[in-house]
Every structure is written in C-alpha cells, then in structure tokens.
Amino acid sequence: MKKVTIYTSNTCPHCKAAKNYLKEKNVDEDRSAIDYLVENGHRGVPVINIDGEDIVGFNKEVVDEKLGL
C-alpha cells in the first residue's frame, strides 16, 4: 500500500475536491503540516504526497497514476 499525505486549506475549492478523494491532513489544524509545506517551498495547497513525491494541485489522473489505479 502506498503512503499518502494530503495538505489542505479549508477555503480552497481544489482542496475540497482532493479531500473528498483522499482524506489525510489539514494545514489549518496541523502546525507540522504548515512547517512541511514551507520547508519544501510550497506556497499553495493542495499538496498531495505519495510515497515521498509531492504533487502540487489536484489532478485526479496524476494521483491515480501514482497510486497505481
């Protein structure tokens, strides 16, 4: 099974779509998630991490590909 982490914001419509597809972390509630995004140079959300690879933005096809679906 692949390890998936998703970083989101409550006000981002793309994040809502991604959260409906994958439920994990919310940067509004998790300081370590905010720190991760800043440390890795991400300025927007959603960021979906699949097996150590960050995907910026929500692209269902890319997520499915990385998940092997």
PDB file of N, CA and C in Angstrom:
ATOM      1  N   MET A   1       0.832  -1.175   0.000  1.00  0.00           N
ATOM      2  CA  MET A   1       0.000   0.000   0.000  1.00  0.00           C
ATOM      3  C   MET A   1       0.880   1.243   0.000  1.00  0.00           C
ATOM      4  N   LYS A   2       0.499   2.238  -0.766  1.00  0.00           N
ATOM      5  CA  LYS A   2       1.257   3.487  -0.856  1.00  0.00           C
ATOM      6  C   LYS A   2       0.924   4.387   0.321  1.00  0.00           C
ATOM      7  N   LYS A   3       1.925   5.130   0.768  1.00  0.00           N
ATOM      8  CA  LYS A   3       1.708   6.108   1.827  1.00  0.00           C
ATOM      9  C   LYS A   3       1.300   7.421   1.177  1.00  0.00           C
ATOM     10  N   VAL A   4       0.148   7.955   1.585  1.00  0.00           N
ATOM     11  CA  VAL A   4      -0.374   9.181   1.009  1.00  0.00           C
ATOM     12  C   VAL A   4      -0.623  10.183   2.127  1.00  0.00           C
ATOM     13  N   THR A   5      -0.132  11.418   1.935  1.00  0.00           N
ATOM     14  CA  THR A   5      -0.409  12.518   2.840  1.00  0.00           C
ATOM     15  C   THR A   5      -0.914  13.674   2.005  1.00  0.00           C
ATOM     16  N   ILE A   6      -1.995  14.312   2.414  1.00  0.00           N
ATOM     17  CA  ILE A   6      -2.531  15.456   1.687  1.00  0.00           C
ATOM     18  C   ILE A   6      -2.569  16.657   2.626  1.00  0.00           C
ATOM     19  N   TYR A   7      -2.058  17.783   2.161  1.00  0.00           N
ATOM     20  CA  TYR A   7      -2.041  19.019   2.926  1.00  0.00           C
ATOM     21  C   TYR A   7      -3.039  19.964   2.274  1.00  0.00           C
ATOM     22  N   THR A   8      -3.963  20.516   3.072  1.00  0.00           N
ATOM     23  CA  THR A   8      -5.044  21.312   2.501  1.00  0.00           C
ATOM     24  C   THR A   8      -5.343  22.553   3.327  1.00  0.00           C
ATOM     25  N   SER A   9      -6.234  23.361   2.794  1.00  0.00           N
ATOM     26  CA  SER A   9      -6.777  24.520   3.492  1.00  0.00           C
ATOM     27  C   SER A   9      -8.299  24.421   3.415  1.00  0.00           C
ATOM     28  N   ASN A  10      -8.985  24.927   4.428  1.00  0.00           N
ATOM     29  CA  ASN A  10     -10.441  24.859   4.454  1.00  0.00           C
ATOM     30  C   ASN A  10     -11.111  25.730   3.401  1.00  0.00           C
ATOM     31  N   THR A  11     -10.417  26.734   2.870  1.00  0.00           N
ATOM     32  CA  THR A  11     -11.041  27.690   1.945  1.00  0.00           C
ATOM     33  C   THR A  11     -10.726  27.419   0.481  1.00  0.00           C
ATOM     34  N   CYS A  12      -9.982  26.397   0.168  1.00  0.00           N
ATOM     35  CA  CYS A  12      -9.546  26.099  -1.193  1.00  0.00           C
ATOM     36  C   CYS A  12     -10.499  25.101  -1.851  1.00  0.00           C
ATOM     37  N   PRO A  13     -11.176  25.491  -2.953  1.00  0.00           N
ATOM     38  CA  PRO A  13     -12.105  24.560  -3.583  1.00  0.00           C
ATOM     39  C   PRO A  13     -11.419  23.321  -4.170  1.00  0.00           C
ATOM     40  N   HIS A  14     -10.192  23.481  -4.652  1.00  0.00           N
ATOM     41  CA  HIS A  14      -9.449  22.330  -5.172  1.00  0.00           C
ATOM     42  C   HIS A  14      -9.083  21.376  -4.039  1.00  0.00           C
ATOM     43  N   CYS A  15      -8.803  21.963  -2.883  1.00  0.00           N
ATOM     44  CA  CYS A  15      -8.501  21.145  -1.712  1.00  0.00           C
ATOM     45  C   CYS A  15      -9.716  20.319  -1.310  1.00  0.00           C
ATOM     46  N   LYS A  16     -10.894  20.946  -1.373  1.00  0.00           N
ATOM     47  CA  LYS A  16     -12.111  20.223  -1.012  1.00  0.00           C
ATOM     48  C   LYS A  16     -12.310  19.026  -1.936  1.00  0.00           C
ATOM     49  N   ALA A  17     -12.043  19.219  -3.214  1.00  0.00           N
ATOM     50  CA  ALA A  17     -12.158  18.109  -4.151  1.00  0.00           C
ATOM     51  C   ALA A  17     -11.147  17.021  -3.816  1.00  0.00           C
ATOM     52  N   ALA A  18      -9.925  17.439  -3.517  1.00  0.00           N
ATOM     53  CA  ALA A  18      -8.879  16.473  -3.172  1.00  0.00           C
ATOM     54  C   ALA A  18      -9.211  15.756  -1.869  1.00  0.00           C
ATOM     55  N   LYS A  19      -9.724  16.495  -0.871  1.00  0.00           N
ATOM     56  CA  LYS A  19     -10.079  15.871   0.403  1.00  0.00           C
ATOM     57  C   LYS A  19     -11.212  14.879   0.236  1.00  0.00           C
ATOM     58  N   ASN A  20     -12.137  15.186  -0.653  1.00  0.00           N
ATOM     59  CA  ASN A  20     -13.208  14.231  -0.902  1.00  0.00           C
ATOM     60  C   ASN A  20     -12.648  12.960  -1.530  1.00  0.00           C
ATOM     61  N   TYR A  21     -11.585  13.102  -2.267  1.00  0.00           N
ATOM     62  CA  TYR A  21     -10.958  11.968  -2.929  1.00  0.00           C
ATOM     63  C   TYR A  21      -9.992  11.232  -1.995  1.00  0.00           C
ATOM     64  N   LEU A  22      -9.251  11.989  -1.225  1.00  0.00           N
ATOM     65  CA  LEU A  22      -8.277  11.435  -0.270  1.00  0.00           C
ATOM     66  C   LEU A  22      -8.360  12.242   1.018  1.00  0.00           C
ATOM     67  N   LYS A  23      -8.579  11.608   2.156  1.00  0.00           N
ATOM     68  CA  LYS A  23      -8.670  12.340   3.421  1.00  0.00           C
ATOM     69  C   LYS A  23      -7.428  12.052   4.262  1.00  0.00           C
ATOM     70  N   GLU A  24      -6.709  13.128   4.637  1.00  0.00           N
ATOM     71  CA  GLU A  24      -5.500  12.960   5.446  1.00  0.00           C
ATOM     72  C   GLU A  24      -5.283  14.124   6.409  1.00  0.00           C
ATOM     73  N   LYS A  25      -4.536  15.176   5.983  1.00  0.00           N
ATOM     74  CA  LYS A  25      -4.128  16.268   6.859  1.00  0.00           C
ATOM     75  C   LYS A  25      -4.733  17.588   6.436  1.00  0.00           C
ATOM     76  N   ASN A  26      -4.865  18.501   7.396  1.00  0.00           N
ATOM     77  CA  ASN A  26      -5.395  19.829   7.118  1.00  0.00           C
ATOM     78  C   ASN A  26      -4.432  20.855   7.708  1.00  0.00           C
ATOM     79  N   VAL A  27      -3.828  21.703   6.857  1.00  0.00           N
ATOM     80  CA  VAL A  27      -2.812  22.633   7.346  1.00  0.00           C
ATOM     81  C   VAL A  27      -3.373  23.669   8.295  1.00  0.00           C
ATOM     82  N   ASP A  28      -4.680  23.883   8.306  1.00  0.00           N
ATOM     83  CA  ASP A  28      -5.266  24.830   9.250  1.00  0.00           C
ATOM     84  C   ASP A  28      -5.209  24.306  10.679  1.00  0.00           C
ATOM     85  N   GLU A  29      -5.060  23.009  10.839  1.00  0.00           N
ATOM     86  CA  GLU A  29      -5.117  22.398  12.159  1.00  0.00           C
ATOM     87  C   GLU A  29      -3.823  21.708  12.577  1.00  0.00           C
ATOM     88  N   ASP A  30      -2.841  21.621  11.700  1.00  0.00           N
ATOM     89  CA  ASP A  30      -1.639  20.835  11.973  1.00  0.00           C
ATOM     90  C   ASP A  30      -0.400  21.680  11.689  1.00  0.00           C
ATOM     91  N   ARG A  31       0.232  22.180  12.729  1.00  0.00           N
ATOM     92  CA  ARG A  31       1.412  23.045  12.578  1.00  0.00           C
ATOM     93  C   ARG A  31       2.537  22.331  11.846  1.00  0.00           C
ATOM     94  N   SER A  32       2.716  21.042  12.076  1.00  0.00           N
ATOM     95  CA  SER A  32       3.795  20.327  11.397  1.00  0.00           C
ATOM     96  C   SER A  32       3.533  20.256   9.898  1.00  0.00           C
ATOM     97  N   ALA A  33       2.272  20.251   9.493  1.00  0.00           N
ATOM     98  CA  ALA A  33       1.940  20.260   8.071  1.00  0.00           C
ATOM     99  C   ALA A  33       2.332  21.591   7.443  1.00  0.00           C
ATOM    100  N   ILE A  34       2.053  22.682   8.135  1.00  0.00           N
ATOM    101  CA  ILE A  34       2.447  24.008   7.653  1.00  0.00           C
ATOM    102  C   ILE A  34       3.962  24.071   7.530  1.00  0.00           C
ATOM    103  N   ASP A  35       4.660  23.594   8.542  1.00  0.00           N
ATOM    104  CA  ASP A  35       6.126  23.589   8.513  1.00  0.00           C
ATOM    105  C   ASP A  35       6.645  22.792   7.317  1.00  0.00           C
ATOM    106  N   TYR A  36       6.041  21.637   7.043  1.00  0.00           N
ATOM    107  CA  TYR A  36       6.461  20.814   5.910  1.00  0.00           C
ATOM    108  C   TYR A  36       6.322  21.587   4.603  1.00  0.00           C
ATOM    109  N   LEU A  37       5.177  22.230   4.408  1.00  0.00           N
ATOM    110  CA  LEU A  37       4.940  22.970   3.169  1.00  0.00           C
ATOM    111  C   LEU A  37       5.952  24.095   2.996  1.00  0.00           C
ATOM    112  N   VAL A  38       6.182  24.868   4.049  1.00  0.00           N
ATOM    113  CA  VAL A  38       7.126  25.990   3.986  1.00  0.00           C
ATOM    114  C   VAL A  38       8.540  25.483   3.724  1.00  0.00           C
ATOM    115  N   GLU A  39       8.951  24.447   4.435  1.00  0.00           N
ATOM    116  CA  GLU A  39      10.303  23.905   4.275  1.00  0.00           C
ATOM    117  C   GLU A  39      10.554  23.389   2.861  1.00  0.00           C
ATOM    118  N   ASN A  40       9.502  22.953   2.196  1.00  0.00           N
ATOM    119  CA  ASN A  40       9.641  22.403   0.849  1.00  0.00           C
ATOM    120  C   ASN A  40       9.277  23.391  -0.246  1.00  0.00           C
ATOM    121  N   GLY A  41       9.105  24.659   0.132  1.00  0.00           N
ATOM    122  CA  GLY A  41       8.900  25.718  -0.847  1.00  0.00           C
ATOM    123  C   GLY A  41       7.515  25.783  -1.452  1.00  0.00           C
ATOM    124  N   HIS A  42       6.549  25.099  -0.865  1.00  0.00           N
ATOM    125  CA  HIS A  42       5.186  25.130  -1.396  1.00  0.00           C
ATOM    126  C   HIS A  42       4.470  26.365  -0.876  1.00  0.00           C
ATOM    127  N   ARG A  43       3.834  27.103  -1.784  1.00  0.00           N
ATOM    128  CA  ARG A  43       3.137  28.334  -1.406  1.00  0.00           C
ATOM    129  C   ARG A  43       1.628  28.211  -1.546  1.00  0.00           C
ATOM    130  N   GLY A  44       1.163  27.061  -2.003  1.00  0.00           N
ATOM    131  CA  GLY A  44      -0.262  26.858  -2.181  1.00  0.00           C
ATOM    132  C   GLY A  44      -0.649  25.437  -1.831  1.00  0.00           C
ATOM    133  N   VAL A  45      -1.921  25.209  -1.779  1.00  0.00           N
ATOM    134  CA  VAL A  45      -2.464  23.894  -1.488  1.00  0.00           C
ATOM    135  C   VAL A  45      -3.528  23.574  -2.518  1.00  0.00           C
ATOM    136  N   PRO A  46      -3.875  22.344  -2.751  1.00  0.00           N
ATOM    137  CA  PRO A  46      -3.417  21.163  -2.040  1.00  0.00           C
ATOM    138  C   PRO A  46      -2.047  20.695  -2.517  1.00  0.00           C
ATOM    139  N   VAL A  47      -1.335  20.058  -1.621  1.00  0.00           N
ATOM    140  CA  VAL A  47      -0.120  19.318  -1.941  1.00  0.00           C
ATOM    141  C   VAL A  47      -0.381  17.888  -1.473  1.00  0.00           C
ATOM    142  N   ILE A  48      -0.296  16.966  -2.385  1.00  0.00           N
ATOM    143  CA  ILE A  48      -0.526  15.557  -2.072  1.00  0.00           C
ATOM    144  C   ILE A  48       0.814  14.838  -2.181  1.00  0.00           C
ATOM    145  N   ASN A  49       1.211  14.192  -1.108  1.00  0.00           N
ATOM    146  CA  ASN A  49       2.482  13.465  -1.085  1.00  0.00           C
ATOM    147  C   ASN A  49       2.186  11.982  -1.166  1.00  0.00           C
ATOM    148  N   ILE A  50       2.708  11.345  -2.213  1.00  0.00           N
ATOM    149  CA  ILE A  50       2.520   9.906  -2.393  1.00  0.00           C
ATOM    150  C   ILE A  50       3.899   9.261  -2.443  1.00  0.00           C
ATOM    151  N   ASP A  51       4.187   8.443  -1.451  1.00  0.00           N
ATOM    152  CA  ASP A  51       5.479   7.761  -1.339  1.00  0.00           C
ATOM    153  C   ASP A  51       6.657   8.717  -1.477  1.00  0.00           C
ATOM    154  N   GLY A  52       6.556   9.882  -0.824  1.00  0.00           N
ATOM    155  CA  GLY A  52       7.661  10.823  -0.803  1.00  0.00           C
ATOM    156  C   GLY A  52       7.690  11.802  -1.956  1.00  0.00           C
ATOM    157  N   GLU A  53       6.774  11.706  -2.909  1.00  0.00           N
ATOM    158  CA  GLU A  53       6.743  12.622  -4.052  1.00  0.00           C
ATOM    159  C   GLU A  53       5.565  13.583  -3.908  1.00  0.00           C
ATOM    160  N   ASP A  54       5.866  14.886  -3.904  1.00  0.00           N
ATOM    161  CA  ASP A  54       4.831  15.899  -3.781  1.00  0.00           C
ATOM    162  C   ASP A  54       4.177  16.171  -5.125  1.00  0.00           C
ATOM    163  N   ILE A  55       2.853  16.222  -5.120  1.00  0.00           N
ATOM    164  CA  ILE A  55       2.067  16.630  -6.278  1.00  0.00           C
ATOM    165  C   ILE A  55       1.369  17.913  -5.871  1.00  0.00           C
ATOM    166  N   VAL A  56       1.688  19.013  -6.557  1.00  0.00           N
ATOM    167  CA  VAL A  56       1.101  20.310  -6.228  1.00  0.00           C
ATOM    168  C   VAL A  56      -0.152  20.491  -7.074  1.00  0.00           C
ATOM    169  N   GLY A  57      -1.269  20.778  -6.418  1.00  0.00           N
ATOM    170  CA  GLY A  57      -2.550  20.899  -7.094  1.00  0.00           C
ATOM    171  C   GLY A  57      -3.253  19.548  -7.108  1.00  0.00           C
ATOM    172  N   PHE A  58      -4.530  19.554  -7.472  1.00  0.00           N
ATOM    173  CA  PHE A  58      -5.293  18.307  -7.512  1.00  0.00           C
ATOM    174  C   PHE A  58      -5.538  17.911  -8.953  1.00  0.00           C
ATOM    175  N   ASN A  59      -4.906  16.816  -9.338  1.00  0.00           N
ATOM    176  CA  ASN A  59      -5.073  16.247 -10.660  1.00  0.00           C
ATOM    177  C   ASN A  59      -5.364  14.770 -10.447  1.00  0.00           C
ATOM    178  N   LYS A  60      -6.631  14.398 -10.583  1.00  0.00           N
ATOM    179  CA  LYS A  60      -7.050  13.033 -10.280  1.00  0.00           C
ATOM    180  C   LYS A  60      -6.271  12.005 -11.094  1.00  0.00           C
ATOM    181  N   GLU A  61      -5.997  12.317 -12.362  1.00  0.00           N
ATOM    182  CA  GLU A  61      -5.279  11.369 -13.207  1.00  0.00           C
ATOM    183  C   GLU A  61      -3.864  11.110 -12.691  1.00  0.00           C
ATOM    184  N   VAL A  62      -3.179  12.175 -12.263  1.00  0.00           N
ATOM    185  CA  VAL A  62      -1.814  12.023 -11.734  1.00  0.00           C
ATOM    186  C   VAL A  62      -1.865  11.241 -10.416  1.00  0.00           C
ATOM    187  N   VAL A  63      -2.833  11.566  -9.558  1.00  0.00           N
ATOM    188  CA  VAL A  63      -2.970  10.846  -8.298  1.00  0.00           C
ATOM    189  C   VAL A  63      -3.229   9.369  -8.557  1.00  0.00           C
ATOM    190  N   ASP A  64      -4.162   9.078  -9.483  1.00  0.00           N
ATOM    191  CA  ASP A  64      -4.450   7.680  -9.817  1.00  0.00           C
ATOM    192  C   ASP A  64      -3.202   6.973 -10.352  1.00  0.00           C
ATOM    193  N   GLU A  65      -2.448   7.663 -11.212  1.00  0.00           N
ATOM    194  CA  GLU A  65      -1.227   7.072 -11.768  1.00  0.00           C
ATOM    195  C   GLU A  65      -0.234   6.739 -10.671  1.00  0.00           C
ATOM    196  N   LYS A  66      -0.023   7.689  -9.753  1.00  0.00           N
ATOM    197  CA  LYS A  66       0.937   7.464  -8.658  1.00  0.00           C
ATOM    198  C   LYS A  66       0.468   6.371  -7.705  1.00  0.00           C
ATOM    199  N   LEU A  67      -0.863   6.209  -7.588  1.00  0.00           N
ATOM    200  CA  LEU A  67      -1.409   5.173  -6.727  1.00  0.00           C
ATOM    201  C   LEU A  67      -1.521   3.827  -7.431  1.00  0.00           C
ATOM    202  N   GLY A  68      -1.239   3.829  -8.738  1.00  0.00           N
ATOM    203  CA  GLY A  68      -1.323   2.592  -9.499  1.00  0.00           C
ATOM    204  C   GLY A  68      -2.754   2.160  -9.779  1.00  0.00           C
ATOM    205  N   LEU A  69      -3.652   3.145  -9.879  1.00  0.00           N
ATOM    206  CA  LEU A  69      -5.065   2.821 -10.129  1.00  0.00           C
ATOM    207  C   LEU A  69      -5.410   2.867 -11.597  1.00  0.00           C
TER     208      LEU A  69
END
